[in-house]
């Protein structure tokens, strides 16, 4: 008596593990991505194609001092006044390598509170 082997239907591969992997990748990339826009600093000279005119007005902010065109000054607002014709003249602000960011923000706020509207921060 010979027994015939039972014919089994071919088993279909399960898609569950692949779907699990796809969802794990989706969750990973959603959590690792940054959404939203970065804050951008508008540069009036670069963005608007403006032309710089007048004497140089480079303000270097150090950890302990502020320099205007390479000369240490005590009062930056009083020192910048003779170099500007209007309050819209561009002031270029540069921080030193070891200068804390808060120090740069403080000098910028001092200039803005004095009425200067065009302060450009460069590296």
N, C-alpha and C. Protein backbone atom coordinates (compact mmCIF):
# COMPACT_ATOMS: atom_id res chain seq x y z
N UNK A 1 0.81 -1.14 0.00
CA UNK A 1 0.00 0.00 0.00
C UNK A 1 0.88 1.24 0.00
N UNK A 2 0.75 1.88 -1.03
CA UNK A 2 1.50 3.12 -1.20
C UNK A 2 0.63 4.31 -0.84
N UNK A 3 1.25 5.14 -0.02
CA UNK A 3 0.53 6.37 0.32
C UNK A 3 1.06 7.51 -0.54
N UNK A 4 0.16 8.17 -1.14
CA UNK A 4 0.59 9.31 -1.94
C UNK A 4 0.84 10.49 -1.02
N UNK A 5 1.93 11.19 -1.30
CA UNK A 5 2.16 12.38 -0.48
C UNK A 5 1.06 13.40 -0.74
N UNK A 6 0.66 13.99 0.33
CA UNK A 6 -0.41 14.98 0.18
C UNK A 6 0.13 16.22 -0.53
N UNK A 7 -0.63 16.72 -1.37
CA UNK A 7 -0.22 17.89 -2.14
C UNK A 7 -0.52 19.13 -1.30
N UNK A 8 0.53 19.80 -1.00
CA UNK A 8 0.37 21.03 -0.23
C UNK A 8 0.40 22.21 -1.18
N UNK A 9 -0.43 23.15 -0.87
CA UNK A 9 -0.39 24.36 -1.70
C UNK A 9 0.84 25.17 -1.30
N UNK A 10 1.38 25.80 -2.26
CA UNK A 10 2.58 26.58 -2.00
C UNK A 10 2.24 27.74 -1.08
N UNK A 11 3.07 27.96 -0.09
CA UNK A 11 2.82 29.00 0.90
C UNK A 11 3.31 30.34 0.38
N UNK A 12 2.47 31.35 0.51
CA UNK A 12 2.85 32.70 0.05
C UNK A 12 3.70 33.36 1.13
N UNK A 13 4.71 34.11 0.69
CA UNK A 13 5.54 34.79 1.70
C UNK A 13 4.72 35.87 2.42
N UNK A 14 5.00 35.99 3.68
CA UNK A 14 4.30 36.98 4.49
C UNK A 14 4.92 38.36 4.29
N UNK A 15 4.10 39.36 4.11
CA UNK A 15 4.57 40.72 3.92
C UNK A 15 4.64 41.50 5.23
N UNK A 16 4.22 40.89 6.31
CA UNK A 16 4.20 41.58 7.60
C UNK A 16 5.58 42.07 8.04
N UNK A 17 6.64 41.26 7.97
CA UNK A 17 7.94 41.78 8.38
C UNK A 17 8.43 42.95 7.53
N UNK A 18 8.15 42.89 6.24
CA UNK A 18 8.57 43.99 5.37
C UNK A 18 7.80 45.27 5.70
N UNK A 19 6.53 45.17 5.98
CA UNK A 19 5.74 46.33 6.34
C UNK A 19 6.22 46.90 7.67
N UNK A 20 6.57 46.03 8.61
CA UNK A 20 7.11 46.49 9.88
C UNK A 20 8.40 47.29 9.68
N UNK A 21 9.27 46.80 8.84
CA UNK A 21 10.54 47.50 8.57
C UNK A 21 10.27 48.85 7.92
N UNK A 22 9.35 48.91 6.99
CA UNK A 22 9.03 50.18 6.33
C UNK A 22 8.49 51.19 7.34
N UNK A 23 7.63 50.76 8.23
CA UNK A 23 7.11 51.68 9.23
C UNK A 23 8.19 52.11 10.23
N UNK A 24 9.08 51.22 10.59
CA UNK A 24 10.18 51.62 11.47
C UNK A 24 11.08 52.66 10.81
N UNK A 25 11.37 52.47 9.51
CA UNK A 25 12.16 53.46 8.79
C UNK A 25 11.43 54.80 8.69
N UNK A 26 10.13 54.74 8.46
CA UNK A 26 9.34 55.96 8.40
C UNK A 26 9.38 56.71 9.72
N UNK A 27 9.20 56.02 10.82
CA UNK A 27 9.26 56.65 12.14
C UNK A 27 10.65 57.20 12.41
N UNK A 28 11.68 56.46 12.05
CA UNK A 28 13.05 56.94 12.27
C UNK A 28 13.31 58.25 11.53
N UNK A 29 12.95 58.30 10.24
CA UNK A 29 13.22 59.50 9.47
C UNK A 29 12.35 60.68 9.90
N UNK A 30 11.15 60.40 10.38
CA UNK A 30 10.32 61.49 10.89
C UNK A 30 10.90 62.08 12.16
N UNK A 31 11.45 61.24 13.01
CA UNK A 31 12.04 61.74 14.25
C UNK A 31 13.40 62.38 14.03
N UNK A 32 14.14 61.94 13.03
CA UNK A 32 15.48 62.46 12.78
C UNK A 32 15.46 63.72 11.91
N UNK A 33 14.36 64.02 11.27
CA UNK A 33 14.29 65.17 10.38
C UNK A 33 13.97 66.44 11.15
N UNK A 34 14.40 67.55 10.57
CA UNK A 34 14.06 68.86 11.13
C UNK A 34 12.97 69.47 10.27
N UNK A 35 11.89 69.84 10.90
CA UNK A 35 10.78 70.45 10.19
C UNK A 35 10.77 71.94 10.48
N UNK A 36 10.25 72.72 9.58
CA UNK A 36 10.20 74.16 9.76
C UNK A 36 11.31 74.82 8.99
N UNK A 37 11.30 76.12 9.03
CA UNK A 37 12.32 76.88 8.31
C UNK A 37 13.34 77.42 9.28
N UNK A 38 14.55 77.54 8.81
CA UNK A 38 15.59 78.13 9.63
C UNK A 38 15.45 79.64 9.59
N UNK A 39 15.81 80.26 10.70
CA UNK A 39 15.79 81.71 10.72
C UNK A 39 16.93 82.24 9.87
N UNK A 40 16.61 83.21 9.06
CA UNK A 40 17.62 83.77 8.17
C UNK A 40 17.84 85.23 8.52
N UNK A 41 19.08 85.63 8.47
CA UNK A 41 19.44 87.02 8.71
C UNK A 41 19.49 87.73 7.36
N UNK A 42 18.69 88.77 7.24
CA UNK A 42 18.69 89.48 5.97
C UNK A 42 19.92 90.37 5.89
N UNK A 43 20.62 90.24 4.81
CA UNK A 43 21.81 91.05 4.59
C UNK A 43 21.48 92.10 3.54
N UNK A 44 21.37 93.36 3.94
CA UNK A 44 20.94 94.37 2.98
C UNK A 44 21.90 94.55 1.81
N UNK A 45 23.19 94.40 2.01
CA UNK A 45 24.14 94.59 0.92
C UNK A 45 24.10 93.44 -0.06
N UNK A 46 24.02 92.21 0.45
CA UNK A 46 24.05 91.05 -0.42
C UNK A 46 22.69 90.79 -1.08
N UNK A 47 21.62 90.89 -0.31
CA UNK A 47 20.31 90.56 -0.83
C UNK A 47 19.76 91.62 -1.76
N UNK A 48 19.93 92.87 -1.39
CA UNK A 48 19.35 93.94 -2.18
C UNK A 48 20.26 94.47 -3.26
N UNK A 49 21.48 94.01 -3.32
CA UNK A 49 22.40 94.51 -4.31
C UNK A 49 22.83 95.93 -4.04
N UNK A 50 22.75 96.34 -2.77
CA UNK A 50 23.10 97.70 -2.40
C UNK A 50 24.59 97.96 -2.52
N UNK A 51 24.93 99.22 -2.48
CA UNK A 51 26.32 99.64 -2.58
C UNK A 51 26.73 100.26 -1.26
N UNK A 52 27.87 99.87 -0.76
CA UNK A 52 28.39 100.44 0.48
C UNK A 52 29.04 101.77 0.15
N UNK A 53 28.69 102.80 0.91
CA UNK A 53 29.29 104.10 0.68
C UNK A 53 29.70 104.71 2.01
N UNK A 54 30.63 105.62 1.94
CA UNK A 54 31.08 106.29 3.15
C UNK A 54 32.34 105.68 3.70
N UNK A 55 32.78 106.21 4.84
CA UNK A 55 34.00 105.69 5.45
C UNK A 55 33.78 104.29 6.01
N UNK A 56 34.85 103.55 6.26
CA UNK A 56 34.68 102.21 6.83
C UNK A 56 34.10 102.28 8.24
N UNK A 57 33.19 101.35 8.51
CA UNK A 57 32.54 101.27 9.83
C UNK A 57 32.53 99.81 10.28
N UNK A 58 33.70 99.27 10.55
CA UNK A 58 33.83 97.88 10.99
C UNK A 58 33.92 97.86 12.50
N UNK A 59 32.96 97.23 13.13
CA UNK A 59 32.92 97.13 14.60
C UNK A 59 33.28 95.71 14.96
N UNK A 60 34.41 95.54 15.65
CA UNK A 60 34.86 94.22 16.08
C UNK A 60 34.53 94.07 17.56
N UNK A 61 33.74 93.06 17.88
CA UNK A 61 33.32 92.81 19.25
C UNK A 61 34.21 91.73 19.84
N UNK A 62 34.96 92.09 20.86
CA UNK A 62 35.80 91.13 21.56
C UNK A 62 35.16 90.72 22.87
N UNK A 63 35.80 89.84 23.60
CA UNK A 63 35.26 89.39 24.88
C UNK A 63 35.21 90.53 25.89
N UNK A 64 36.22 91.40 25.86
CA UNK A 64 36.30 92.47 26.86
C UNK A 64 36.28 93.87 26.27
N UNK A 65 36.39 93.99 24.95
CA UNK A 65 36.45 95.33 24.37
C UNK A 65 35.70 95.38 23.04
N UNK A 66 35.50 96.60 22.57
CA UNK A 66 34.87 96.83 21.27
C UNK A 66 35.82 97.73 20.48
N UNK A 67 36.10 97.32 19.24
CA UNK A 67 37.00 98.10 18.39
C UNK A 67 36.22 98.64 17.21
N UNK A 68 36.49 99.89 16.87
CA UNK A 68 35.92 100.52 15.69
C UNK A 68 37.06 100.77 14.72
N UNK A 69 37.05 100.09 13.60
CA UNK A 69 38.13 100.17 12.61
C UNK A 69 39.50 99.88 13.21
N UNK A 70 39.55 98.95 14.15
CA UNK A 70 40.81 98.51 14.74
C UNK A 70 41.25 99.29 15.96
N UNK A 71 40.49 100.31 16.37
CA UNK A 71 40.84 101.13 17.54
C UNK A 71 39.85 100.84 18.65
N UNK A 72 40.35 100.54 19.84
CA UNK A 72 39.49 100.25 20.99
C UNK A 72 38.75 101.52 21.39
N UNK A 73 37.43 101.40 21.55
CA UNK A 73 36.59 102.54 21.95
C UNK A 73 35.81 102.16 23.20
N UNK A 74 35.50 103.18 24.01
CA UNK A 74 34.72 102.95 25.22
C UNK A 74 33.23 103.06 24.93
N UNK A 75 32.82 104.07 24.17
CA UNK A 75 31.42 104.28 23.85
C UNK A 75 31.25 104.12 22.34
N UNK A 76 30.68 102.99 21.93
CA UNK A 76 30.58 102.69 20.50
C UNK A 76 29.63 103.62 19.79
N UNK A 77 28.54 104.02 20.44
CA UNK A 77 27.56 104.89 19.79
C UNK A 77 28.16 106.26 19.50
N UNK A 78 28.88 106.82 20.46
CA UNK A 78 29.50 108.13 20.26
C UNK A 78 30.63 108.05 19.23
N UNK A 79 31.30 106.94 19.14
CA UNK A 79 32.41 106.78 18.20
C UNK A 79 31.92 106.57 16.76
N UNK A 80 30.76 105.95 16.59
CA UNK A 80 30.23 105.68 15.25
C UNK A 80 29.58 106.93 14.67
N UNK A 81 29.07 107.81 15.50
CA UNK A 81 28.31 108.99 15.04
C UNK A 81 29.06 109.83 14.01
N UNK A 82 30.35 110.16 14.19
CA UNK A 82 31.02 110.97 13.18
C UNK A 82 31.23 110.26 11.83
N UNK A 83 31.14 108.93 11.83
CA UNK A 83 31.38 108.17 10.60
C UNK A 83 30.11 107.94 9.78
N UNK A 84 28.96 108.31 10.32
CA UNK A 84 27.70 108.07 9.61
C UNK A 84 27.03 109.38 9.27
N UNK A 85 26.35 109.40 8.12
CA UNK A 85 25.59 110.57 7.71
C UNK A 85 24.14 110.46 8.18
N UNK A 86 23.58 109.25 8.07
CA UNK A 86 22.20 109.01 8.53
C UNK A 86 22.19 107.76 9.40
N UNK A 87 21.07 107.54 10.04
CA UNK A 87 20.92 106.35 10.89
C UNK A 87 20.73 105.09 10.06
N UNK A 88 20.54 105.23 8.75
CA UNK A 88 20.37 104.08 7.86
C UNK A 88 21.69 103.59 7.27
N UNK A 89 22.79 104.27 7.56
CA UNK A 89 24.09 103.83 7.06
C UNK A 89 24.43 102.46 7.63
N UNK A 90 25.09 101.66 6.81
CA UNK A 90 25.39 100.28 7.20
C UNK A 90 26.57 100.23 8.16
N UNK A 91 26.36 99.50 9.27
CA UNK A 91 27.42 99.22 10.24
C UNK A 91 27.73 97.73 10.14
N UNK A 92 29.00 97.40 9.98
CA UNK A 92 29.40 96.00 9.86
C UNK A 92 29.94 95.54 11.21
N UNK A 93 29.33 94.49 11.73
CA UNK A 93 29.65 93.97 13.06
C UNK A 93 30.29 92.61 12.90
N UNK A 94 31.43 92.41 13.57
CA UNK A 94 32.13 91.12 13.49
C UNK A 94 32.52 90.70 14.90
N UNK A 95 32.20 89.47 15.25
CA UNK A 95 32.56 88.92 16.56
C UNK A 95 33.88 88.18 16.48
N UNK A 96 34.62 88.20 17.58
CA UNK A 96 35.88 87.47 17.65
C UNK A 96 35.64 85.98 17.82
N UNK A 97 36.72 85.22 17.74
CA UNK A 97 36.61 83.76 17.85
C UNK A 97 36.14 83.32 19.23
N UNK A 98 36.56 84.01 20.25
CA UNK A 98 36.22 83.64 21.63
C UNK A 98 35.12 84.51 22.22
N UNK A 99 34.49 85.34 21.41
CA UNK A 99 33.46 86.25 21.91
C UNK A 99 32.15 85.50 22.14
N UNK A 100 31.57 85.64 23.34
CA UNK A 100 30.28 85.00 23.58
C UNK A 100 29.19 85.66 22.72
N UNK A 101 28.23 84.88 22.31
CA UNK A 101 27.16 85.39 21.47
C UNK A 101 26.37 86.48 22.18
N UNK A 102 26.18 86.35 23.48
CA UNK A 102 25.43 87.35 24.22
C UNK A 102 26.09 88.72 24.14
N UNK A 103 27.41 88.75 24.10
CA UNK A 103 28.15 90.03 23.99
C UNK A 103 27.85 90.69 22.65
N UNK A 104 27.80 89.92 21.59
CA UNK A 104 27.48 90.45 20.26
C UNK A 104 26.05 90.97 20.22
N UNK A 105 25.14 90.23 20.84
CA UNK A 105 23.74 90.66 20.89
C UNK A 105 23.61 91.96 21.67
N UNK A 106 24.35 92.09 22.78
CA UNK A 106 24.29 93.31 23.59
C UNK A 106 24.77 94.53 22.80
N UNK A 107 25.86 94.38 22.05
CA UNK A 107 26.37 95.50 21.24
C UNK A 107 25.37 95.84 20.14
N UNK A 108 24.77 94.83 19.53
CA UNK A 108 23.77 95.07 18.49
C UNK A 108 22.57 95.80 19.06
N UNK A 109 22.11 95.42 20.24
CA UNK A 109 20.97 96.09 20.87
C UNK A 109 21.32 97.53 21.25
N UNK A 110 22.55 97.76 21.66
CA UNK A 110 22.98 99.12 21.97
C UNK A 110 22.91 100.00 20.74
N UNK A 111 23.39 99.49 19.61
CA UNK A 111 23.35 100.24 18.36
C UNK A 111 21.92 100.45 17.88
N UNK A 112 21.08 99.43 17.99
CA UNK A 112 19.69 99.55 17.56
C UNK A 112 18.93 100.54 18.44
N UNK A 113 19.19 100.51 19.75
CA UNK A 113 18.49 101.44 20.65
C UNK A 113 18.95 102.88 20.42
N UNK A 114 20.15 103.08 19.86
CA UNK A 114 20.62 104.42 19.53
C UNK A 114 20.01 104.91 18.22
N UNK A 115 19.34 104.02 17.47
CA UNK A 115 18.65 104.43 16.27
C UNK A 115 19.23 103.89 14.97
N UNK A 116 20.33 103.17 15.03
CA UNK A 116 20.93 102.62 13.81
C UNK A 116 20.10 101.42 13.35
N UNK A 117 19.66 101.47 12.10
CA UNK A 117 18.74 100.45 11.61
C UNK A 117 19.39 99.39 10.74
N UNK A 118 20.58 99.65 10.24
CA UNK A 118 21.23 98.71 9.32
C UNK A 118 22.54 98.19 9.94
N UNK A 119 22.40 97.13 10.72
CA UNK A 119 23.57 96.48 11.33
C UNK A 119 23.71 95.11 10.69
N UNK A 120 24.86 94.86 10.07
CA UNK A 120 25.09 93.61 9.37
C UNK A 120 26.14 92.81 10.16
N UNK A 121 25.82 91.56 10.44
CA UNK A 121 26.73 90.68 11.17
C UNK A 121 27.48 89.81 10.16
N UNK A 122 28.81 89.83 10.23
CA UNK A 122 29.65 89.02 9.33
C UNK A 122 30.54 88.12 10.18
N UNK A 123 31.09 87.10 9.53
CA UNK A 123 32.00 86.19 10.24
C UNK A 123 33.39 86.74 10.23
